[in-house]
Amino acid sequence: MNLAQAADGVEGSNPWLNIGIFAVFVIVTLTIVVRVSKRASSGAKDFYTAGGGFSGTQNGIAISGDYLSAASFLGIAGAIALYGYDGFLYSIGFLVAWLVALLLVAELLRNTGRFTMGDVLAFRMRQRPVRAAAATSTLVVSFFYLLAQMAGAGGLVALLLDVKSKTGQSIVIAVVGVLMIAYVLIGGMRGTTWVQIIKAVLLIAGAAIMTFWVLGKYGVNVSQLMGGAVERAGQGGEKLLNPGAQYGKSGLTKLDFVSLGIALVLGTAGLPHILMRFYTVPTAKEARRSVVWAIWLIGLFYLFTLVLGYGAGALVGPDAIKKAPGGANSAAPLLAYELGGTILLGLIAAVAFATILAVVAGLTITASASFAHDIYVNVIKRGKVDDAAHTEVRIARRTAVVIGVVAIAGGILANGQNIAFLVALAFAVAASANLPTILYSLFWKRFNTNGALWSIYGGLTITLVLIIFSPVVSGKPVDPVTGKSPSMLQGVDFHWFPLDNPGLISIPASFLLGFLGTVLAKDKADKARYAEMEVRSLTGAGAEKAVAH
C-alpha cells in the first residue's frame, strides 16, 4: 500500500464491497432480532432484561460484546501504534476493572435490583429523589459513551469510503443512529443481546485472524514485531517500548496517567449499561459466571490489541496513521488493508461497524430503561402505572428514539475525536457519580438519602466542570503533523484544570461528599431496610419483588 495514499483514504479499497459486507451484517442481525422478538412478551421485564433468560455463558459473551467498543478496537490499537507501551495501558486499565466489578458489585447488584441501577440505590432511600439522581447520572454516562461510538463511526467511514466532507460523515453517523434505534425498538434487550453475542464472536475472531497474520510476517516473534515498529517510527522510536511516550513527558502528564488509571479501573463497576446486563441472568451464580467469561474473552482480545497496535506501527507507520481520516482510530483498518487488501479491509470494516452498532444499542436501551422505569414510573407516576397497559415499555420506546436523535447530533459534533479518550471520560463520570453511591449503599449501614444525593450530583457536577475546563476541550497546542489541536474546540483556550482526565480529583471528592452528606443530614438511615438489603444482596431472597416502598 502506498502510504501517501493513506492520507487521502484507503485508495484501492472498494467502497461498494465495504457497504455490501456491512449490509449483509445488518440484514442478518435484523432478521435475528425480529425472530427473537416474536418469542418475547410485551412486558417491562422482557423488554429491559430479556426475562432473565440468558445463561451465564451467553451473557458473558454479550457483556464482552457490550464492553469491547469502538474504543477497544479502533482507539486502543491506534494508541498503541502511536505511543506503544502507554497506549497498552488503556487495555490494562479496562481489563483490571473487571476484577472490581466481579468482587464488589456483580452478584450483589443482581440480587438487589430488578431493572436499573436506580433500583439498587433507592432500595433503602427515599425513592423519588434518589431515582431521579440515578437516572440523571445514567443518562450523562450513556451520552459520553454514545459520543465515542458515533465519533468512531464517522472516522471509520471517512477512511473506508474516502468521505472527506463533514456532511457525508454526518449522514453515516445518522444511519448508525437509525439502526441502533431499530434494534432497540424491535428486539428490546433480547434482540440487543443476540446482536452483542454475534458482534463479540466476529470481533474476537477478526482480531485473532489479523493478530496471527501480523505475527506470521515476523516469524511469530513479538520481539521482532516490536523492533519493526521501532524502526518504522524512525528517530526516537525506542520510546514505543518504554513507559512515557504519551504520559511521561512531565510530572503533569504522569499525574494525568494516574488519574486515567483510577478512572478506568473504577469506572467499569459504575457503567449503567454493564450493570444492567447482570439482570439478564436468572441467578447470582450465573451473574458470577457471566463476569468470569467476560474477563477471559476481554483479556484475550486485549492481548490481540497489543499485536495489532505494534503491527500497525510497523507495517503502516505512525505518520500515515496520523494523516489518515480518523487519525489514530484508522490504525486497525489501515493494517487490515496492508495485510489482506480490499476484502480483509471490508470484513474488518464490517466488524468495526458491528462493534459500534452493538454497543450503541446496549447504551440506548439502558438509558431509555432508566428514564422510563426511574423517572416516569417511580418519580412522575409514583409507582402507580398499569403494567397490563404496558405504559412503561411504551415510554421506554419513545425515549429510545429521543436518545437516538441526541446521540446522532452529539456524534456529529464529536466526529474526529480520539474515541478511546472519550470513553475514558465516560469512565470518569461513572466512577465519580455512580460507584461511590453503589458501594456506600451496599456496604455502609449509616448511608442515607442525603449522602446519596450529595455523592451523585456532587460527583457528576465536579466531573463535568473539570472536563469542560480541561485541555481536552480547549487549549492544547497544534500538532505539527496534522495541523490541528488535539482539543475538541479549535482556536480557543479557556481551560484552567491541567489534567485531561478528572478522575484523580472527582472520584475522591465524590466519596467525600457521600460521607459528608450522610453525617451532616438530619434524617437517619433505615436500619430495617438495610438489613433486608443485606440479606437480599447476599442470598438473592426476594430479588424478583419490586423495591418501591
Protein backbone atom coordinates (compact mmCIF):
# COMPACT_ATOMS: atom_id res chain seq x y z
CA MET A 1 0.00 0.00 0.00
CA ASN A 2 1.29 3.44 -0.91
CA LEU A 3 1.38 5.33 2.41
CA ALA A 4 0.86 8.63 0.64
CA GLN A 5 -2.49 7.27 -0.42
CA ALA A 6 -3.47 6.61 3.18
CA ALA A 7 -3.62 10.32 3.82
CA ASP A 8 -6.49 10.60 1.37
CA GLY A 9 -8.32 7.44 2.40
CA VAL A 10 -7.57 3.87 1.51
CA GLU A 11 -7.34 4.06 -2.24
CA GLY A 12 -7.76 0.72 -3.92
CA SER A 13 -10.38 -0.36 -1.43
CA ASN A 14 -13.84 -0.92 -2.84
CA PRO A 15 -16.47 1.26 -1.12
CA TRP A 16 -19.30 -0.80 -2.56
CA LEU A 17 -17.77 -4.02 -1.24
CA ASN A 18 -17.39 -2.45 2.19
CA ILE A 19 -21.00 -1.27 2.13
CA GLY A 20 -22.15 -4.67 0.87
CA ILE A 21 -20.46 -6.61 3.67
CA PHE A 22 -21.86 -4.22 6.23
CA ALA A 23 -25.33 -4.52 4.68
CA VAL A 24 -25.15 -8.32 4.97
CA PHE A 25 -24.36 -7.99 8.68
CA VAL A 26 -27.25 -5.58 9.21
CA ILE A 27 -29.72 -7.81 7.34
CA VAL A 28 -28.65 -10.95 9.22
CA THR A 29 -28.74 -9.31 12.65
CA LEU A 30 -32.05 -7.56 11.98
CA THR A 31 -33.53 -10.89 10.89
CA ILE A 32 -32.36 -12.49 14.13
CA VAL A 33 -33.69 -9.57 16.17
CA VAL A 34 -37.11 -9.84 14.52
CA ARG A 35 -37.25 -13.62 15.12
CA VAL A 36 -36.26 -13.47 18.79
CA SER A 37 -38.62 -10.56 19.39
CA LYS A 38 -41.55 -12.83 18.45
CA ARG A 39 -40.72 -15.03 21.46
CA ALA A 40 -40.75 -12.08 23.83
CA SER A 41 -43.65 -10.83 25.89
CA SER A 42 -44.61 -7.17 25.80
CA GLY A 43 -43.88 -6.56 29.48
CA ALA A 44 -41.19 -4.41 31.06
CA LYS A 45 -39.18 -7.37 32.38
CA ASP A 46 -38.75 -8.86 28.93
CA PHE A 47 -38.01 -5.52 27.25
CA TYR A 48 -35.41 -4.48 29.86
CA THR A 49 -33.78 -7.77 30.86
CA ALA A 50 -34.98 -10.41 28.35
CA GLY A 51 -36.88 -12.01 31.23
CA GLY A 52 -33.59 -13.01 32.88
CA GLY A 53 -33.45 -15.91 30.46
CA PHE A 54 -29.82 -15.92 29.30
CA SER A 55 -27.22 -18.30 30.68
CA GLY A 56 -24.01 -17.07 32.29
CA THR A 57 -22.02 -18.13 29.23
CA GLN A 58 -24.33 -16.32 26.81
CA ASN A 59 -24.41 -13.24 28.99
CA GLY A 60 -20.63 -13.28 29.43
CA ILE A 61 -20.17 -13.27 25.65
CA ALA A 62 -22.76 -10.49 25.36
CA ILE A 63 -21.01 -8.48 28.10
CA SER A 64 -17.74 -8.73 26.18
CA GLY A 65 -19.64 -7.61 23.08
CA ASP A 66 -21.11 -4.68 25.01
CA TYR A 67 -17.78 -3.75 26.62
CA LEU A 68 -15.42 -4.15 23.67
CA SER A 69 -16.47 -0.97 21.98
CA ALA A 70 -15.10 1.05 19.11
CA ALA A 71 -12.63 2.44 21.66
CA SER A 72 -11.20 -1.03 22.19
CA PHE A 73 -10.90 -1.98 18.55
CA LEU A 74 -10.09 1.34 16.90
CA GLY A 75 -8.91 3.67 19.65
CA ILE A 76 -6.60 1.36 21.60
CA ALA A 77 -4.99 -0.13 18.50
CA GLY A 78 -4.27 3.42 17.35
CA ALA A 79 -2.95 4.47 20.75
CA ILE A 80 -0.54 1.51 20.82
CA ALA A 81 0.59 2.20 17.25
CA LEU A 82 1.42 5.82 18.11
CA TYR A 83 2.50 5.56 21.76
CA GLY A 84 3.42 1.92 22.28
CA TYR A 85 3.60 0.98 25.97
CA ASP A 86 1.49 3.94 27.10
CA GLY A 87 -1.27 3.03 24.64
CA PHE A 88 -1.42 -0.50 26.04
CA LEU A 89 -2.12 0.96 29.48
CA TYR A 90 -5.68 1.57 28.29
CA SER A 91 -6.08 -2.18 27.77
CA ILE A 92 -4.64 -2.98 31.18
CA GLY A 93 -6.93 -0.49 32.90
CA PHE A 94 -10.04 -1.74 31.09
CA LEU A 95 -9.22 -5.38 31.98
CA VAL A 96 -8.27 -4.89 35.64
CA ALA A 97 -11.53 -3.00 36.08
CA TRP A 98 -13.41 -6.28 35.73
CA LEU A 99 -11.90 -7.62 38.92
CA VAL A 100 -13.51 -4.71 40.75
CA ALA A 101 -16.83 -5.47 39.07
CA LEU A 102 -16.57 -9.19 39.91
CA LEU A 103 -15.53 -8.82 43.53
CA LEU A 104 -17.64 -5.83 44.55
CA VAL A 105 -20.82 -5.41 42.55
CA ALA A 106 -21.84 -8.18 40.10
CA GLU A 107 -23.57 -10.65 42.42
CA LEU A 108 -24.79 -8.10 44.98
CA LEU A 109 -26.28 -5.89 42.28
CA ARG A 110 -28.03 -8.80 40.58
CA ASN A 111 -29.67 -9.81 43.86
CA THR A 112 -30.72 -6.32 44.95
CA GLY A 113 -32.21 -4.69 41.86
CA ARG A 114 -34.66 -5.59 39.10
CA PHE A 115 -34.05 -3.44 36.04
CA THR A 116 -31.78 -0.43 36.65
CA MET A 117 -29.06 0.98 38.86
CA GLY A 118 -31.74 3.19 40.42
CA ASP A 119 -33.40 0.07 41.89
CA VAL A 120 -30.28 -0.59 43.96
CA LEU A 121 -29.54 2.99 45.01
CA ALA A 122 -33.15 3.68 46.01
CA PHE A 123 -33.69 0.39 47.86
CA ARG A 124 -33.36 1.87 51.35
CA MET A 125 -33.58 5.59 50.47
CA ARG A 126 -36.38 7.98 49.61
CA GLN A 127 -37.42 6.73 46.19
CA ARG A 128 -38.12 9.83 44.12
CA PRO A 129 -35.01 12.00 44.71
CA VAL A 130 -32.56 9.10 44.54
CA ARG A 131 -34.10 7.59 41.42
CA ALA A 132 -34.04 11.00 39.74
CA ALA A 133 -30.34 11.35 40.59
CA ALA A 134 -29.53 7.81 39.41
CA ALA A 135 -31.34 8.39 36.12
CA THR A 136 -29.55 11.70 35.57
CA SER A 137 -26.17 10.05 36.07
CA THR A 138 -27.11 7.12 33.82
CA LEU A 139 -28.13 9.45 31.00
CA VAL A 140 -24.92 11.51 31.26
CA VAL A 141 -22.64 8.45 31.24
CA SER A 142 -24.58 6.93 28.34
CA PHE A 143 -24.29 10.17 26.39
CA PHE A 144 -20.50 10.32 26.76
CA TYR A 145 -20.20 6.70 25.70
CA LEU A 146 -22.51 7.24 22.74
CA LEU A 147 -20.37 10.18 21.64
CA ALA A 148 -17.37 7.87 21.45
CA GLN A 149 -19.17 5.26 19.36
CA MET A 150 -20.64 7.81 16.97
CA ALA A 151 -17.27 9.51 16.55
CA GLY A 152 -15.84 6.08 15.73
CA ALA A 153 -18.48 5.59 13.05
CA GLY A 154 -17.61 8.93 11.44
CA GLY A 155 -13.88 8.27 11.44
CA LEU A 156 -14.29 4.77 10.08
CA VAL A 157 -16.42 5.77 7.12
CA ALA A 158 -14.09 8.65 6.35
CA LEU A 159 -11.32 6.13 5.88
CA LEU A 160 -13.21 3.38 4.09
CA LEU A 161 -15.27 5.43 1.67
CA ASP A 162 -12.86 8.35 1.34
CA VAL A 163 -15.57 10.70 2.60
CA LYS A 164 -13.77 13.93 3.41
CA SER A 165 -16.82 16.13 3.76
CA LYS A 166 -18.37 16.59 7.17
CA THR A 167 -21.78 16.27 5.54
CA GLY A 168 -21.04 12.78 4.24
CA GLN A 169 -19.69 11.62 7.57
CA SER A 170 -22.71 13.11 9.33
CA ILE A 171 -25.02 11.08 7.09
CA VAL A 172 -23.25 7.87 8.08
CA ILE A 173 -23.48 8.77 11.77
CA ALA A 174 -27.20 9.32 11.26
CA VAL A 175 -27.54 5.89 9.62
CA VAL A 176 -25.84 4.25 12.60
CA GLY A 177 -28.23 6.10 14.92
CA VAL A 178 -31.29 4.96 12.98
CA LEU A 179 -30.11 1.34 13.02
CA MET A 180 -29.47 1.37 16.76
CA ILE A 181 -32.99 2.72 17.35
CA ALA A 182 -34.38 -0.09 15.16
CA TYR A 183 -32.55 -2.79 17.15
CA VAL A 184 -33.91 -1.46 20.43
CA LEU A 185 -37.47 -0.86 19.27
CA ILE A 186 -37.79 -4.24 17.55
CA GLY A 187 -35.92 -6.56 19.87
CA GLY A 188 -35.54 -4.89 23.25
CA MET A 189 -32.88 -6.44 25.47
CA ARG A 190 -33.37 -9.90 23.97
CA GLY A 191 -32.59 -8.74 20.44
CA THR A 192 -29.83 -6.41 21.61
CA THR A 193 -28.16 -9.27 23.49
CA TRP A 194 -28.05 -11.50 20.43
CA VAL A 195 -26.57 -8.67 18.36
CA GLN A 196 -23.89 -8.28 21.04
CA ILE A 197 -23.15 -12.02 21.06
CA ILE A 198 -22.76 -12.10 17.27
CA LYS A 199 -20.63 -8.98 17.36
CA ALA A 200 -18.35 -10.38 20.10
CA VAL A 201 -17.70 -13.56 18.12
CA LEU A 202 -16.97 -11.61 14.93
CA LEU A 203 -14.75 -9.06 16.69
CA ILE A 204 -12.62 -11.58 18.57
CA ALA A 205 -12.35 -13.83 15.52
CA GLY A 206 -11.40 -10.91 13.27
CA ALA A 207 -8.82 -9.64 15.74
CA ALA A 208 -7.39 -13.17 16.08
CA ILE A 209 -7.00 -13.57 12.31
CA MET A 210 -5.22 -10.24 11.99
CA THR A 211 -3.04 -10.98 15.03
CA PHE A 212 -1.73 -14.28 13.72
CA TRP A 213 -1.32 -12.78 10.25
CA VAL A 214 0.84 -9.99 11.66
CA LEU A 215 2.86 -12.42 13.79
CA GLY A 216 3.36 -14.62 10.74
CA LYS A 217 5.10 -11.75 8.96
CA TYR A 218 7.60 -11.56 11.84
CA GLY A 219 8.23 -15.25 12.38
CA VAL A 220 5.74 -15.44 15.26
CA ASN A 221 8.23 -13.38 17.21
CA VAL A 222 6.79 -10.50 19.22
CA SER A 223 10.26 -9.03 19.78
CA GLN A 224 10.83 -8.76 16.04
CA LEU A 225 7.41 -7.16 15.62
CA MET A 226 8.16 -4.52 18.24
CA GLY A 227 11.56 -3.95 16.66
CA GLY A 228 9.83 -3.37 13.33
CA ALA A 229 7.55 -0.77 14.91
CA VAL A 230 10.55 0.99 16.46
CA GLU A 231 12.40 1.00 13.14
CA ARG A 232 9.37 2.32 11.23
CA ALA A 233 8.86 5.13 13.76
CA GLY A 234 12.34 6.46 12.95
CA GLN A 235 14.29 8.67 15.31
CA GLY A 236 13.11 8.25 18.89
CA GLY A 237 11.14 5.13 18.00
CA GLU A 238 12.54 3.26 21.01
CA LYS A 239 10.08 5.27 23.12
CA LEU A 240 7.38 2.87 21.92
CA LEU A 241 8.89 0.15 24.11
CA ASN A 242 9.18 2.18 27.29
CA PRO A 243 6.76 3.98 29.56
CA GLY A 244 6.42 7.69 28.95
CA ALA A 245 5.82 8.22 25.22
CA GLN A 246 2.43 9.75 25.98
CA TYR A 247 2.34 10.22 29.74
CA GLY A 248 5.98 10.60 30.73
CA LYS A 249 6.84 13.97 29.24
CA SER A 250 6.45 15.85 32.53
CA GLY A 251 5.26 15.48 36.08
CA LEU A 252 1.87 16.74 34.94
CA THR A 253 1.42 14.06 32.29
CA LYS A 254 2.46 11.38 34.79
CA LEU A 255 -0.20 12.68 37.16
CA ASP A 256 -2.65 12.58 34.27
CA PHE A 257 -1.87 8.91 33.77
CA VAL A 258 -2.61 8.17 37.42
CA SER A 259 -5.92 9.98 37.01
CA LEU A 260 -6.72 8.00 33.86
CA GLY A 261 -5.80 4.68 35.50
CA ILE A 262 -8.04 5.30 38.50
CA ALA A 263 -10.95 6.23 36.24
CA LEU A 264 -10.54 3.13 34.06
CA VAL A 265 -10.17 0.67 36.93
CA LEU A 266 -13.08 2.02 38.97
CA GLY A 267 -15.32 3.13 36.12
CA THR A 268 -16.48 -0.28 34.85
CA ALA A 269 -18.25 -1.08 38.12
CA GLY A 270 -20.28 2.11 37.67
CA LEU A 271 -21.21 1.84 33.97
CA PRO A 272 -25.02 1.55 33.81
CA HIS A 273 -25.13 -0.44 30.56
CA ILE A 274 -22.74 -3.03 32.01
CA LEU A 275 -24.55 -3.19 35.36
CA MET A 276 -27.88 -3.73 33.61
CA ARG A 277 -26.55 -6.87 31.94
CA PHE A 278 -26.40 -8.63 35.32
CA TYR A 279 -30.22 -8.64 35.38
CA THR A 280 -30.47 -10.73 32.20
CA VAL A 281 -29.44 -13.96 34.00
CA PRO A 282 -31.69 -15.98 36.34
CA THR A 283 -29.39 -16.34 39.37
CA ALA A 284 -26.45 -14.72 41.14
CA LYS A 285 -24.34 -17.77 40.26
CA GLU A 286 -24.95 -17.10 36.58
CA ALA A 287 -24.06 -13.43 37.14
CA ARG A 288 -20.67 -14.50 38.52
CA ARG A 289 -20.21 -16.90 35.62
CA SER A 290 -21.01 -14.06 33.22
CA VAL A 291 -18.18 -11.95 34.62
CA VAL A 292 -15.69 -14.83 34.53
CA TRP A 293 -16.48 -15.46 30.85
CA ALA A 294 -16.26 -11.75 30.13
CA ILE A 295 -12.83 -11.48 31.82
CA TRP A 296 -11.39 -14.33 29.75
CA LEU A 297 -12.75 -13.03 26.44
CA ILE A 298 -11.88 -9.40 27.10
CA GLY A 299 -8.38 -10.33 28.30
CA LEU A 300 -7.77 -12.39 25.18
CA PHE A 301 -8.91 -9.55 22.96
CA TYR A 302 -6.66 -7.01 24.68
CA LEU A 303 -3.67 -9.27 24.09
CA PHE A 304 -4.62 -9.15 20.41
CA THR A 305 -4.70 -5.33 20.50
CA LEU A 306 -1.05 -5.31 21.58
CA VAL A 307 -0.05 -7.13 18.39
CA LEU A 308 -2.46 -5.13 16.22
CA GLY A 309 -1.16 -1.83 17.58
CA TYR A 310 2.52 -2.62 17.09
CA GLY A 311 1.65 -4.28 13.78
CA ALA A 312 0.04 -1.08 12.54
CA GLY A 313 3.07 0.87 13.72
CA ALA A 314 5.44 -1.47 11.90
CA LEU A 315 3.55 -2.11 8.66
CA VAL A 316 1.64 1.17 8.19
CA GLY A 317 3.72 3.68 10.12
CA PRO A 318 2.73 6.42 12.59
CA ASP A 319 2.88 9.25 10.04
CA ALA A 320 0.37 7.56 7.72
CA ILE A 321 -1.91 6.79 10.64
CA LYS A 322 -1.89 10.40 11.89
CA LYS A 323 -2.62 11.78 8.43
CA ALA A 324 -5.39 9.32 7.58
CA PRO A 325 -9.04 10.34 8.02
CA GLY A 326 -9.93 9.48 11.58
CA GLY A 327 -6.32 9.75 12.80
CA ALA A 328 -5.39 7.16 15.41
CA ASN A 329 -8.80 5.49 15.01
CA SER A 330 -7.76 4.44 11.48
CA ALA A 331 -4.82 2.24 12.56
CA ALA A 332 -6.69 -1.09 12.58
CA PRO A 333 -8.45 -0.59 9.20
CA LEU A 334 -5.20 0.58 7.60
CA LEU A 335 -3.45 -2.52 8.97
CA ALA A 336 -6.23 -4.72 7.57
CA TYR A 337 -5.72 -3.25 4.11
CA GLU A 338 -1.97 -3.67 4.38
CA LEU A 339 -2.40 -7.35 5.28
CA GLY A 340 -5.26 -8.56 3.10
CA GLY A 341 -6.20 -5.79 0.73
CA THR A 342 -9.73 -4.89 -0.18
CA ILE A 343 -11.51 -7.99 1.10
CA LEU A 344 -9.95 -8.07 4.57
CA LEU A 345 -10.47 -4.33 4.89
CA GLY A 346 -14.15 -4.80 4.04
CA LEU A 347 -14.52 -7.60 6.59
CA ILE A 348 -12.77 -5.66 9.35
CA ALA A 349 -14.82 -2.59 8.46
CA ALA A 350 -18.00 -4.63 8.90
CA VAL A 351 -16.74 -5.89 12.26
CA ALA A 352 -15.99 -2.34 13.36
CA PHE A 353 -19.45 -1.18 12.31
CA ALA A 354 -20.94 -4.18 14.12
CA THR A 355 -18.97 -3.16 17.21
CA ILE A 356 -20.41 0.33 17.10
CA LEU A 357 -23.98 -0.83 16.46
CA ALA A 358 -23.98 -3.42 19.26
CA VAL A 359 -22.62 -1.01 21.86
CA VAL A 360 -24.89 1.89 20.96
CA ALA A 361 -27.91 -0.42 21.08
CA GLY A 362 -26.94 -1.52 24.60
CA LEU A 363 -26.42 2.07 25.71
CA THR A 364 -29.72 3.17 24.22
CA ILE A 365 -31.81 0.50 25.92
CA THR A 366 -30.09 1.22 29.25
CA ALA A 367 -30.71 4.96 29.05
CA SER A 368 -34.31 4.52 27.92
CA ALA A 369 -34.97 1.98 30.69
CA SER A 370 -33.57 4.35 33.29
CA PHE A 371 -35.78 7.20 32.16
CA ALA A 372 -38.95 5.10 31.82
CA HIS A 373 -38.50 2.99 34.97
CA ASP A 374 -36.89 5.50 37.32
CA ILE A 375 -38.16 8.88 36.15
CA TYR A 376 -41.57 8.19 34.58
CA VAL A 377 -42.83 5.29 36.69
CA ASN A 378 -41.29 5.98 40.08
CA VAL A 379 -40.79 9.76 40.10
CA ILE A 380 -43.57 11.19 37.94
CA LYS A 381 -46.21 8.48 38.48
CA ARG A 382 -45.00 7.49 42.00
CA GLY A 383 -45.07 3.80 41.06
CA LYS A 384 -48.74 3.88 40.04
CA VAL A 385 -48.56 2.58 36.47
CA ASP A 386 -50.81 -0.10 34.96
CA ASP A 387 -48.48 -2.91 33.90
CA ALA A 388 -51.24 -4.51 31.87
CA ALA A 389 -51.35 -1.48 29.59
CA HIS A 390 -47.57 -1.70 29.02
CA THR A 391 -47.28 2.05 29.52
CA GLU A 392 -43.72 1.77 30.87
CA VAL A 393 -42.46 -0.07 27.80
CA ARG A 394 -44.18 2.42 25.52
CA ILE A 395 -42.43 5.31 27.29
CA ALA A 396 -39.10 3.44 27.07
CA ARG A 397 -39.51 3.01 23.31
CA ARG A 398 -40.25 6.70 22.82
CA THR A 399 -37.26 7.60 24.97
CA ALA A 400 -35.03 5.39 22.82
CA VAL A 401 -35.98 7.43 19.78
CA VAL A 402 -35.17 10.71 21.55
CA ILE A 403 -31.83 9.33 22.80
CA GLY A 404 -31.01 8.19 19.28
CA VAL A 405 -31.60 11.68 17.88
CA VAL A 406 -29.48 13.28 20.61
CA ALA A 407 -26.72 10.72 20.04
CA ILE A 408 -26.67 11.47 16.32
CA ALA A 409 -26.31 15.21 16.98
CA GLY A 410 -23.59 14.65 19.58
CA GLY A 411 -21.74 12.20 17.36
CA ILE A 412 -21.62 14.75 14.55
CA LEU A 413 -20.10 17.31 16.92
CA ALA A 414 -17.58 14.81 18.34
CA ASN A 415 -16.54 13.43 14.95
CA GLY A 416 -12.74 13.22 14.69
CA GLN A 417 -12.00 12.93 18.40
CA ASN A 418 -9.96 10.01 19.76
CA ILE A 419 -12.64 7.60 20.87
CA ALA A 420 -10.50 5.79 23.46
CA PHE A 421 -10.21 9.08 25.29
CA LEU A 422 -13.91 9.89 25.00
CA VAL A 423 -14.66 6.53 26.60
CA ALA A 424 -12.15 7.30 29.35
CA LEU A 425 -14.19 10.42 30.15
CA ALA A 426 -17.34 8.29 30.39
CA PHE A 427 -15.49 6.03 32.81
CA ALA A 428 -14.51 9.06 34.90
CA VAL A 429 -18.15 10.13 35.19
CA ALA A 430 -19.25 6.58 36.07
CA ALA A 431 -16.51 6.18 38.67
CA SER A 432 -17.25 9.57 40.23
CA ALA A 433 -21.05 9.77 40.18
CA ASN A 434 -22.11 6.09 40.40
CA LEU A 435 -19.53 3.85 42.06
CA PRO A 436 -19.24 5.68 45.42
CA THR A 437 -23.02 5.68 45.83
CA ILE A 438 -23.29 1.99 44.88
CA LEU A 439 -20.58 0.95 47.35
CA TYR A 440 -21.95 3.11 50.15
CA SER A 441 -25.46 1.73 49.53
CA LEU A 442 -24.31 -1.87 49.62
CA PHE A 443 -21.80 -1.73 52.47
CA TRP A 444 -22.41 1.28 54.78
CA LYS A 445 -25.31 0.88 57.18
CA ARG A 446 -25.46 4.58 58.08
CA PHE A 447 -25.65 5.81 54.47
CA ASN A 448 -28.81 7.81 53.78
CA THR A 449 -30.69 9.72 51.08
CA ASN A 450 -28.82 12.96 51.65
CA GLY A 451 -25.48 11.20 51.25
CA ALA A 452 -26.64 9.54 48.03
CA LEU A 453 -27.73 12.86 46.52
CA TRP A 454 -24.52 14.63 47.54
CA SER A 455 -22.43 11.80 46.10
CA ILE A 456 -24.25 11.51 42.77
CA TYR A 457 -24.91 15.17 41.99
CA GLY A 458 -21.65 16.37 43.54
CA GLY A 459 -19.52 13.81 41.73
CA LEU A 460 -21.34 14.44 38.47
CA THR A 461 -21.01 18.22 38.72
CA ILE A 462 -17.33 18.18 39.67
CA THR A 463 -16.50 15.76 36.85
CA LEU A 464 -18.35 17.70 34.17
CA VAL A 465 -16.90 21.05 35.26
CA LEU A 466 -13.35 19.69 35.28
CA ILE A 467 -13.85 18.11 31.84
CA ILE A 468 -15.26 21.30 30.32
CA PHE A 469 -12.36 23.38 31.61
CA SER A 470 -9.67 20.79 30.82
CA PRO A 471 -7.24 20.68 27.88
CA VAL A 472 -9.45 18.03 26.28
CA VAL A 473 -11.97 20.69 25.35
CA SER A 474 -9.65 23.63 24.63
CA GLY A 475 -6.10 24.87 24.85
CA LYS A 476 -3.84 22.09 23.56
CA PRO A 477 -1.09 23.20 21.14
CA VAL A 478 -1.38 22.40 17.45
CA ASP A 479 0.07 19.05 16.33
CA PRO A 480 2.74 19.77 13.66
CA VAL A 481 1.81 16.61 11.71
CA THR A 482 -1.95 17.08 11.49
CA GLY A 483 -2.00 20.87 11.72
CA LYS A 484 -4.81 20.68 14.30
CA SER A 485 -5.08 20.92 18.03
CA PRO A 486 -5.99 17.63 19.79
CA SER A 487 -8.57 19.60 21.78
CA MET A 488 -12.24 19.34 20.82
CA LEU A 489 -12.54 23.09 20.16
CA GLN A 490 -10.02 24.66 17.80
CA GLY A 491 -8.54 28.14 18.19
CA VAL A 492 -9.81 28.84 21.70
CA ASP A 493 -8.36 28.35 25.17
CA PHE A 494 -10.43 28.62 28.33
CA HIS A 495 -9.00 25.67 30.26
CA TRP A 496 -7.75 26.11 33.84
CA PHE A 497 -7.79 22.47 35.04
CA PRO A 498 -4.45 20.98 33.93
CA LEU A 499 -5.33 17.25 33.67
CA ASP A 500 -7.01 15.55 30.71
CA ASN A 501 -8.89 13.12 32.93
CA PRO A 502 -10.55 14.40 36.13
CA GLY A 503 -10.70 11.05 37.97
CA LEU A 504 -7.88 11.83 40.41
CA ILE A 505 -9.90 14.74 41.83
CA SER A 506 -13.53 13.84 41.10
CA ILE A 507 -13.59 10.26 42.45
CA PRO A 508 -12.18 11.02 45.95
CA ALA A 509 -14.37 14.15 46.04
CA SER A 510 -17.48 12.08 45.36
CA PHE A 511 -16.62 9.62 48.13
CA LEU A 512 -16.02 12.55 50.48
CA LEU A 513 -19.30 14.22 49.52
CA GLY A 514 -21.21 10.99 50.13
CA PHE A 515 -19.67 10.76 53.59
CA LEU A 516 -20.30 14.42 54.46
CA GLY A 517 -23.84 14.36 53.13
CA THR A 518 -24.58 11.36 55.30
CA VAL A 519 -23.08 12.58 58.59
CA LEU A 520 -24.49 16.11 58.23
CA ALA A 521 -28.02 15.01 57.39
CA LYS A 522 -30.78 15.14 59.98
CA ASP A 523 -32.59 12.10 58.58
CA LYS A 524 -31.37 8.72 59.78
CA ALA A 525 -30.75 5.62 57.73
CA ASP A 526 -33.49 2.99 57.64
CA LYS A 527 -31.78 0.14 59.52
CA ALA A 528 -34.57 -2.31 58.80
CA ARG A 529 -34.32 -1.69 55.07
CA TYR A 530 -30.54 -2.02 55.22
CA ALA A 531 -30.90 -5.39 56.96
CA GLU A 532 -33.32 -6.51 54.26
CA MET A 533 -30.97 -5.24 51.55
CA GLU A 534 -28.02 -7.05 53.12
CA VAL A 535 -29.89 -10.36 53.22
CA ARG A 536 -31.17 -9.93 49.67
CA SER A 537 -27.77 -8.91 48.25
CA LEU A 538 -26.05 -11.94 49.79
CA THR A 539 -28.74 -14.58 49.22
CA GLY A 540 -30.95 -13.30 46.40
CA ALA A 541 -34.07 -13.85 48.52
CA GLY A 542 -36.93 -11.74 47.17
CA ALA A 543 -34.92 -10.46 44.22
CA GLU A 544 -37.95 -10.58 41.90
CA LYS A 545 -40.04 -8.27 44.07
CA ALA A 546 -40.43 -4.58 43.35
CA VAL A 547 -38.39 -2.31 45.59
CA ALA A 548 -40.75 0.68 45.69
CA HIS A 549 -41.98 1.47 49.15
